[in-house]
Protein backbone atom coordinates (compact mmCIF):
# COMPACT_ATOMS: atom_id res chain seq x y z
CA UNK A 1 182.12 24.97 278.82
CA UNK A 2 185.08 22.62 278.53
CA UNK A 3 187.80 22.38 281.21
CA UNK A 4 190.55 25.01 281.26
CA UNK A 5 193.20 22.60 279.89
CA UNK A 6 190.94 22.04 276.91
CA UNK A 7 190.34 25.69 276.08
CA UNK A 8 193.23 25.98 273.58
CA UNK A 9 192.35 22.93 271.42
CA UNK A 10 188.64 23.72 271.68
CA UNK A 11 189.18 27.30 270.50
CA UNK A 12 191.30 26.04 267.64
CA UNK A 13 188.60 23.58 266.62
CA UNK A 14 185.90 26.28 266.62
CA UNK A 15 188.09 28.54 264.48
CA UNK A 16 188.74 25.73 261.99
CA UNK A 17 185.04 24.91 261.76
CA UNK A 18 184.28 28.57 261.04
CA UNK A 19 187.00 28.73 258.37
CA UNK A 20 185.54 25.67 256.61
CA UNK A 21 182.00 27.01 256.63
CA UNK A 22 180.24 26.75 253.29
CA UNK A 23 179.13 30.38 253.51
CA UNK A 24 182.62 31.86 253.67
CA UNK A 25 183.61 34.40 252.56
CA UNK A 26 180.48 35.75 250.88
CA UNK A 27 177.72 35.55 253.49
CA UNK A 28 177.05 38.77 255.42
CA UNK A 29 176.84 38.62 259.20
CA UNK A 30 175.01 41.29 261.18
CA UNK A 31 174.83 39.57 264.57
CA UNK A 32 177.12 37.29 266.54
CA UNK A 33 176.18 35.47 269.74
CA UNK A 34 178.76 33.60 271.82
CA UNK A 35 176.87 31.59 274.42
CA UNK A 36 176.29 28.16 275.88
CA UNK A 37 177.99 27.01 279.06
CA UNK A 38 180.02 29.93 280.39
CA UNK A 39 182.04 31.39 277.49
CA UNK A 40 183.26 34.22 279.72
CA UNK A 41 185.52 31.63 281.38
CA UNK A 42 187.57 31.46 278.20
CA UNK A 43 190.70 33.58 278.15
CA UNK A 44 190.13 36.88 276.33
CA UNK A 45 192.64 35.94 273.63
CA UNK A 46 190.63 32.77 272.87
CA UNK A 47 187.48 34.81 272.42
CA UNK A 48 189.42 37.27 270.27
CA UNK A 49 190.56 34.39 268.04
CA UNK A 50 186.96 33.23 267.58
CA UNK A 51 185.78 36.74 266.72
CA UNK A 52 188.71 37.09 264.32
CA UNK A 53 187.79 33.82 262.63
CA UNK A 54 184.24 35.05 262.04
CA UNK A 55 185.44 38.35 260.62
CA UNK A 56 187.98 36.60 258.37
CA UNK A 57 185.49 34.07 257.04
CA UNK A 58 182.39 36.21 256.65
CA UNK A 59 181.49 39.71 255.56
CA UNK A 60 181.09 40.63 259.21
CA UNK A 61 180.07 44.08 260.29
CA UNK A 62 177.93 43.04 263.24
CA UNK A 63 175.34 45.45 264.50
CA UNK A 64 175.24 43.29 267.59
CA UNK A 65 177.99 41.03 269.00
CA UNK A 66 176.89 39.41 272.25
CA UNK A 67 178.85 37.45 274.84
CA UNK A 68 177.15 35.52 277.62
CA UNK A 69 178.86 36.06 280.97
CA UNK A 70 178.31 34.98 284.56
CA UNK A 71 178.74 37.86 287.04
CA UNK A 72 181.49 36.21 289.06
CA UNK A 73 183.66 35.71 285.95
CA UNK A 74 183.88 39.41 285.06
CA UNK A 75 186.91 41.59 285.72
CA UNK A 76 187.65 45.06 284.38
CA UNK A 77 190.58 43.64 282.42
CA UNK A 78 188.39 40.98 280.80
CA UNK A 79 185.65 43.44 279.99
CA UNK A 80 188.13 45.80 278.31
CA UNK A 81 189.54 42.91 276.28
CA UNK A 82 186.04 41.87 275.19
CA UNK A 83 185.37 45.37 273.89
CA UNK A 84 188.71 45.37 272.07
CA UNK A 85 187.76 42.04 270.44
CA UNK A 86 184.55 43.51 269.06
CA UNK A 87 181.87 42.54 271.58
CA UNK A 88 179.37 45.35 272.12
CA UNK A 89 176.67 43.54 274.08
CA UNK A 90 176.89 41.39 277.22
CA UNK A 91 174.15 39.02 278.37
CA UNK A 92 174.60 38.70 282.13
CA UNK A 93 173.09 35.68 283.88
CA UNK A 94 171.88 37.39 287.05
CA UNK A 95 168.67 35.36 287.79
CA UNK A 96 168.05 36.98 291.19
CA UNK A 97 169.34 39.78 293.45
CA UNK A 98 168.61 37.82 296.65
CA UNK A 99 171.61 35.89 297.92
CA UNK A 100 169.65 33.09 299.58
CA UNK A 101 167.74 32.45 296.35
CA UNK A 102 170.98 32.34 294.38
CA UNK A 103 172.49 29.95 296.90
CA UNK A 104 169.43 27.69 296.82
CA UNK A 105 169.58 27.65 293.00
CA UNK A 106 173.22 26.59 293.12
CA UNK A 107 174.56 29.79 291.59
CA UNK A 108 178.09 30.89 292.49
CA UNK A 109 177.59 34.64 292.21
CA UNK A 110 175.90 36.93 294.72
CA UNK A 111 174.10 40.26 294.52
CA UNK A 112 177.27 42.35 294.88
CA UNK A 113 178.89 40.44 292.00
CA UNK A 114 176.12 41.60 289.65
CA UNK A 115 176.49 45.27 290.57
CA UNK A 116 180.27 45.10 290.42
CA UNK A 117 180.20 43.28 287.08
CA UNK A 118 177.87 45.85 285.56
CA UNK A 119 180.10 48.69 286.80
CA UNK A 120 183.14 47.09 285.16
CA UNK A 121 181.26 46.51 281.90
CA UNK A 122 180.15 50.14 281.80
CA UNK A 123 183.67 51.36 282.61
CA UNK A 124 185.04 49.21 279.77
CA UNK A 125 182.61 50.80 277.32
CA UNK A 126 179.76 48.29 277.05
CA UNK A 127 176.57 50.26 276.36
CA UNK A 128 174.26 47.31 275.76
CA UNK A 129 173.71 44.96 278.71
CA UNK A 130 171.03 42.30 279.10
CA UNK A 131 170.06 40.97 282.54
CA UNK A 132 167.72 38.10 283.36
CA UNK A 133 165.51 37.16 286.29
CA UNK A 134 163.89 33.81 287.06
CA UNK A 135 160.40 33.83 288.53
CA UNK A 136 159.79 30.87 290.81
CA UNK A 137 163.18 30.16 292.37
CA UNK A 138 163.12 28.26 295.68
CA UNK A 139 162.54 30.57 298.68
CA UNK A 140 161.28 33.37 296.42
CA UNK A 141 158.52 35.51 297.91
CA UNK A 142 156.53 38.50 296.69
CA UNK A 143 158.80 40.79 298.72
CA UNK A 144 162.05 39.25 297.44
CA UNK A 145 160.76 39.26 293.86
CA UNK A 146 159.87 42.92 294.22
CA UNK A 147 163.37 43.54 295.56
CA UNK A 148 164.97 41.88 292.53
CA UNK A 149 162.80 43.94 290.19
CA UNK A 150 163.79 47.18 291.94
CA UNK A 151 167.47 46.20 291.85
CA UNK A 152 167.44 45.44 288.14
CA UNK A 153 165.61 48.71 287.42
CA UNK A 154 168.20 50.60 289.47
CA UNK A 155 170.83 49.22 287.10
CA UNK A 156 168.58 49.97 284.12
CA UNK A 157 170.10 47.59 281.57
CA UNK A 158 169.17 48.04 277.94
CA UNK A 159 167.54 44.61 277.81
CA UNK A 160 165.70 42.41 280.34
CA UNK A 161 164.49 38.81 280.34
CA UNK A 162 162.15 37.08 282.78
CA UNK A 163 161.90 33.30 282.64
CA UNK A 164 159.36 31.34 284.65
CA UNK A 165 161.01 28.42 286.43
CA UNK A 166 160.58 25.13 284.63
CA UNK A 167 161.10 21.84 286.44
CA UNK A 168 163.74 20.04 284.41
CA UNK A 169 164.39 16.40 285.26
CA UNK A 170 167.93 16.88 283.98
CA UNK A 171 168.79 19.28 286.83
CA UNK A 172 169.42 18.48 290.48
CA UNK A 173 166.63 20.78 291.59
CA UNK A 174 164.24 19.35 289.02
CA UNK A 175 164.90 15.74 289.99
CA UNK A 176 164.49 16.57 293.65
CA UNK A 177 161.23 18.46 293.08
CA UNK A 178 159.77 15.68 290.94
CA UNK A 179 160.71 13.13 293.60
CA UNK A 180 159.07 15.21 296.33
CA UNK A 181 162.37 15.64 298.17
CA UNK A 182 163.59 18.55 300.25
CA UNK A 183 167.19 19.02 299.09
CA UNK A 184 168.09 22.24 297.24
CA UNK A 185 165.00 23.81 298.88
CA UNK A 186 162.86 21.93 296.35
CA UNK A 187 159.81 22.16 298.60
CA UNK A 188 160.16 25.95 298.70
CA UNK A 189 159.38 26.46 295.01
CA UNK A 190 156.40 28.84 294.65
CA UNK A 191 153.23 27.41 293.11
CA UNK A 192 152.21 28.12 289.51
CA UNK A 193 149.73 30.85 290.38
CA UNK A 194 152.33 32.71 292.44
CA UNK A 195 154.89 32.43 289.63
CA UNK A 196 152.32 33.83 287.20
CA UNK A 197 151.71 36.73 289.62
CA UNK A 198 155.47 37.40 289.75
CA UNK A 199 155.58 37.56 285.95
CA UNK A 200 152.62 39.94 285.81
CA UNK A 201 154.21 42.18 288.45
CA UNK A 202 157.40 42.36 286.39
CA UNK A 203 155.43 43.08 283.20
CA UNK A 204 153.68 46.05 284.79
CA UNK A 205 156.80 47.46 286.46
CA UNK A 206 158.91 47.21 283.30
CA UNK A 207 156.22 48.95 281.27
CA UNK A 208 156.14 51.86 283.73
CA UNK A 209 159.93 52.05 283.54
CA UNK A 210 159.85 52.52 279.77
CA UNK A 211 160.71 49.02 278.58
CA UNK A 212 159.05 47.63 275.44
CA UNK A 213 157.64 44.13 275.88
CA UNK A 214 158.39 42.53 272.52
CA UNK A 215 158.55 38.77 273.25
CA UNK A 216 156.97 36.66 275.98
CA UNK A 217 160.15 36.61 278.07
CA UNK A 218 161.93 39.73 276.79
CA UNK A 219 161.80 43.51 277.24
CA UNK A 220 164.04 46.23 275.84
CA UNK A 221 164.57 49.94 275.96
CA UNK A 222 163.76 51.52 272.57
CA UNK A 223 166.28 50.44 269.94
CA UNK A 224 167.73 47.57 271.99
CA UNK A 225 165.71 44.50 271.07
CA UNK A 226 167.93 41.47 270.60
CA UNK A 227 168.59 41.39 266.87
CA UNK A 228 170.13 37.91 267.11
CA UNK A 229 167.28 36.29 269.02
CA UNK A 230 164.70 37.87 266.74
CA UNK A 231 166.16 35.73 263.96
CA UNK A 232 165.03 32.59 265.82
CA UNK A 233 161.45 33.81 266.29
CA UNK A 234 161.23 35.04 262.69
CA UNK A 235 162.64 31.72 261.39
CA UNK A 236 165.59 33.35 259.67
CA UNK A 237 168.71 31.29 258.83
CA UNK A 238 171.62 31.14 261.25
CA UNK A 239 174.86 29.18 261.62
CA UNK A 240 176.17 27.73 264.87
CA UNK A 241 179.77 26.72 265.57
CA UNK A 242 181.18 24.74 268.48
CA UNK A 243 180.01 21.79 270.60
CA UNK A 244 176.22 21.51 270.74
CA UNK A 245 175.70 24.49 268.43
CA UNK A 246 172.51 24.52 266.34
CA UNK A 247 172.03 25.76 262.78
CA UNK A 248 169.07 26.44 260.49
CA UNK A 249 168.92 27.17 256.75
CA UNK A 250 165.19 27.72 256.36
CA UNK A 251 164.19 24.10 255.74
CA UNK A 252 166.78 22.03 257.63
CA UNK A 253 167.86 22.08 261.27
CA UNK A 254 170.98 20.38 262.59
CA UNK A 255 173.23 20.34 265.64
CA UNK A 256 176.88 19.65 266.33
CA UNK A 257 178.05 16.88 268.62
CA UNK A 258 177.28 17.99 272.17
CA UNK A 259 180.35 16.46 273.84
CA UNK A 260 183.28 18.91 273.50
CA UNK A 261 185.89 16.13 273.27
CA UNK A 262 184.00 14.40 270.46
CA UNK A 263 183.49 17.72 268.72
CA UNK A 264 187.23 18.52 268.81
CA UNK A 265 188.07 15.02 267.59
CA UNK A 266 185.74 15.39 264.61
CA UNK A 267 187.31 18.69 263.63
CA UNK A 268 190.87 17.40 264.05
CA UNK A 269 190.10 14.34 261.92
CA UNK A 270 188.53 16.47 259.20
CA UNK A 271 185.05 15.01 259.62
CA UNK A 272 181.84 16.94 260.11
CA UNK A 273 180.74 17.44 263.74
CA UNK A 274 177.15 17.86 262.56
CA UNK A 275 174.47 15.41 263.64
CA UNK A 276 170.71 15.32 264.31
CA UNK A 277 169.84 16.57 260.83
CA UNK A 278 166.12 17.27 260.55
CA UNK A 279 164.45 18.31 257.33
CA UNK A 280 161.19 20.18 257.90
CA UNK A 281 158.00 19.20 256.13
CA UNK A 282 155.58 21.93 254.96
CA UNK A 283 153.34 20.98 257.92
CA UNK A 284 156.21 21.49 260.37
CA UNK A 285 157.10 24.82 258.74
CA UNK A 286 153.50 25.95 259.15
CA UNK A 287 153.38 24.93 262.81
CA UNK A 288 156.72 26.62 263.49
CA UNK A 289 155.41 29.88 262.05
CA UNK A 290 152.79 29.90 264.81
CA UNK A 291 154.82 28.27 267.59
CA UNK A 292 157.69 30.73 267.23
CA UNK A 293 155.86 33.75 265.86
CA UNK A 294 153.24 33.86 268.60
CA UNK A 295 156.00 34.32 271.16
CA UNK A 296 156.36 37.84 269.77
CA UNK A 297 153.95 40.44 271.12
CA UNK A 298 153.42 41.65 267.56
CA UNK A 299 152.07 38.21 266.73
CA UNK A 300 151.89 36.44 263.37
CA UNK A 301 150.81 37.87 260.02
CA UNK A 302 148.64 35.23 258.36
CA UNK A 303 148.66 36.88 254.92
CA UNK A 304 152.13 35.64 253.79
CA UNK A 305 151.62 32.29 255.54
CA UNK A 306 148.36 31.64 253.69
CA UNK A 307 149.87 32.85 250.42
CA UNK A 308 152.87 30.51 250.68
CA UNK A 309 151.56 27.47 252.57
CA UNK A 310 147.76 27.35 252.33
CA UNK A 311 147.75 26.08 248.71
CA UNK A 312 149.86 23.11 249.83
CA UNK A 313 148.10 22.57 253.17
CA UNK A 314 144.52 23.77 252.69
CA UNK A 315 142.95 21.45 255.27
CA UNK A 316 145.55 22.22 257.95
CA UNK A 317 145.20 25.96 257.32
CA UNK A 318 141.41 25.75 257.53
CA UNK A 319 141.68 23.85 260.84
CA UNK A 320 144.05 26.46 262.24
CA UNK A 321 141.67 29.23 261.19
CA UNK A 322 138.82 27.53 263.09
CA UNK A 323 140.98 27.09 266.19
CA UNK A 324 142.16 30.70 266.05
CA UNK A 325 138.56 31.92 265.94
CA UNK A 326 137.67 29.64 268.87
CA UNK A 327 140.60 30.83 270.96
CA UNK A 328 139.71 34.41 270.12
CA UNK A 329 136.17 33.83 271.40
CA UNK A 330 137.68 32.57 274.68
CA UNK A 331 139.82 35.70 275.03
CA UNK A 332 143.24 34.11 274.40
CA UNK A 333 143.99 35.40 270.90
CA UNK A 334 143.17 38.67 269.15
CA UNK A 335 142.84 39.58 265.48
CA UNK A 336 144.35 42.84 264.24
CA UNK A 337 143.82 42.99 260.48
CA UNK A 338 145.58 39.93 259.04
CA UNK A 339 147.71 39.57 262.18
CA UNK A 340 146.93 37.33 265.16
CA UNK A 341 148.57 37.72 268.55
CA UNK A 342 148.30 36.52 272.13
CA UNK A 343 146.24 38.73 274.43
CA UNK A 344 148.80 40.38 276.79
CA UNK A 345 147.16 39.27 280.03
CA UNK A 346 147.17 35.64 278.82
CA UNK A 347 150.90 35.38 278.19
CA UNK A 348 151.47 33.20 281.26
CA UNK A 349 149.35 30.44 279.69
CA UNK A 350 150.93 30.74 276.23
CA UNK A 351 152.05 27.09 276.23
CA UNK A 352 148.51 25.90 276.84
CA UNK A 353 147.20 28.17 274.09
CA UNK A 354 149.77 26.85 271.61
CA UNK A 355 148.90 23.24 272.51
CA UNK A 356 145.24 23.91 271.76
CA UNK A 357 146.11 25.67 268.52
CA UNK A 358 148.61 23.17 267.13
CA UNK A 359 147.43 19.81 268.54
């Protein structure tokens, strides 16, 4: 998120980009997601302006309007203002309920901030909260992971996410781990087998607690699956506004300038902030159907894919069929009618399965 002195011009730029959208005012909107950086640092009136711009420019009656928030940024006053602006779902970046893990990961908030933030959100009227946990943080043990699971189930949010730690060379922890250093507790990252065990423990506990596992990293109480994120996995069109925002129209993907200052300058000068335009070939569309669709526990229905793409890509489709049958024989994939899905106890190796399928 941009610096506080930049919030006013940045908000104005986002609102102008929304107003100039090609879809206005006819396109219906049933989900809104304000994320990236820490949007909860924006003043409530800035967020209200952005929500107002969406409602003025689109036929917006969102079933789901989500705001990403860090626990330490929440106050009761802010939460009440968010509700007044139209937000009805908060995605809270909790990551862990163990203070030493949060400190090692460089997070500002602590366990008590999560509980206090949730209390304020509930008091303000938010009835749809999503919390996340990261499996594999430095210093994480089986006992501490179990403690985080119990804490999140005590809160009982409507939606849960579990992400397995990925070593990213763009982060301080990632660079240190790749270099074999010891800063940021990089040598205390659990091994891959332990991280997989953490994920499996969470999967079993969430199931017993009544959560539906609908995507590799996501669980929800009945009726609370993320409508917005399901659009990504189903390859439905979406529009993104703001610095670094991504958009998709079914055959073309593009992104706005990532640097907030450059983004604002483009908007103020009347030029498009869009860049990185990528038109998808039929082959890429086919691969995306599997790469994204197999993240869902319901899997991928091959009937419409073969009807729409097989005539154009018969050899590729035949190859995929052969690979699916091979992976099924190895116990990684399972046929159910015309639908193919990952076997639940192989979800931790989903990336490897997808590589074998789509190579």
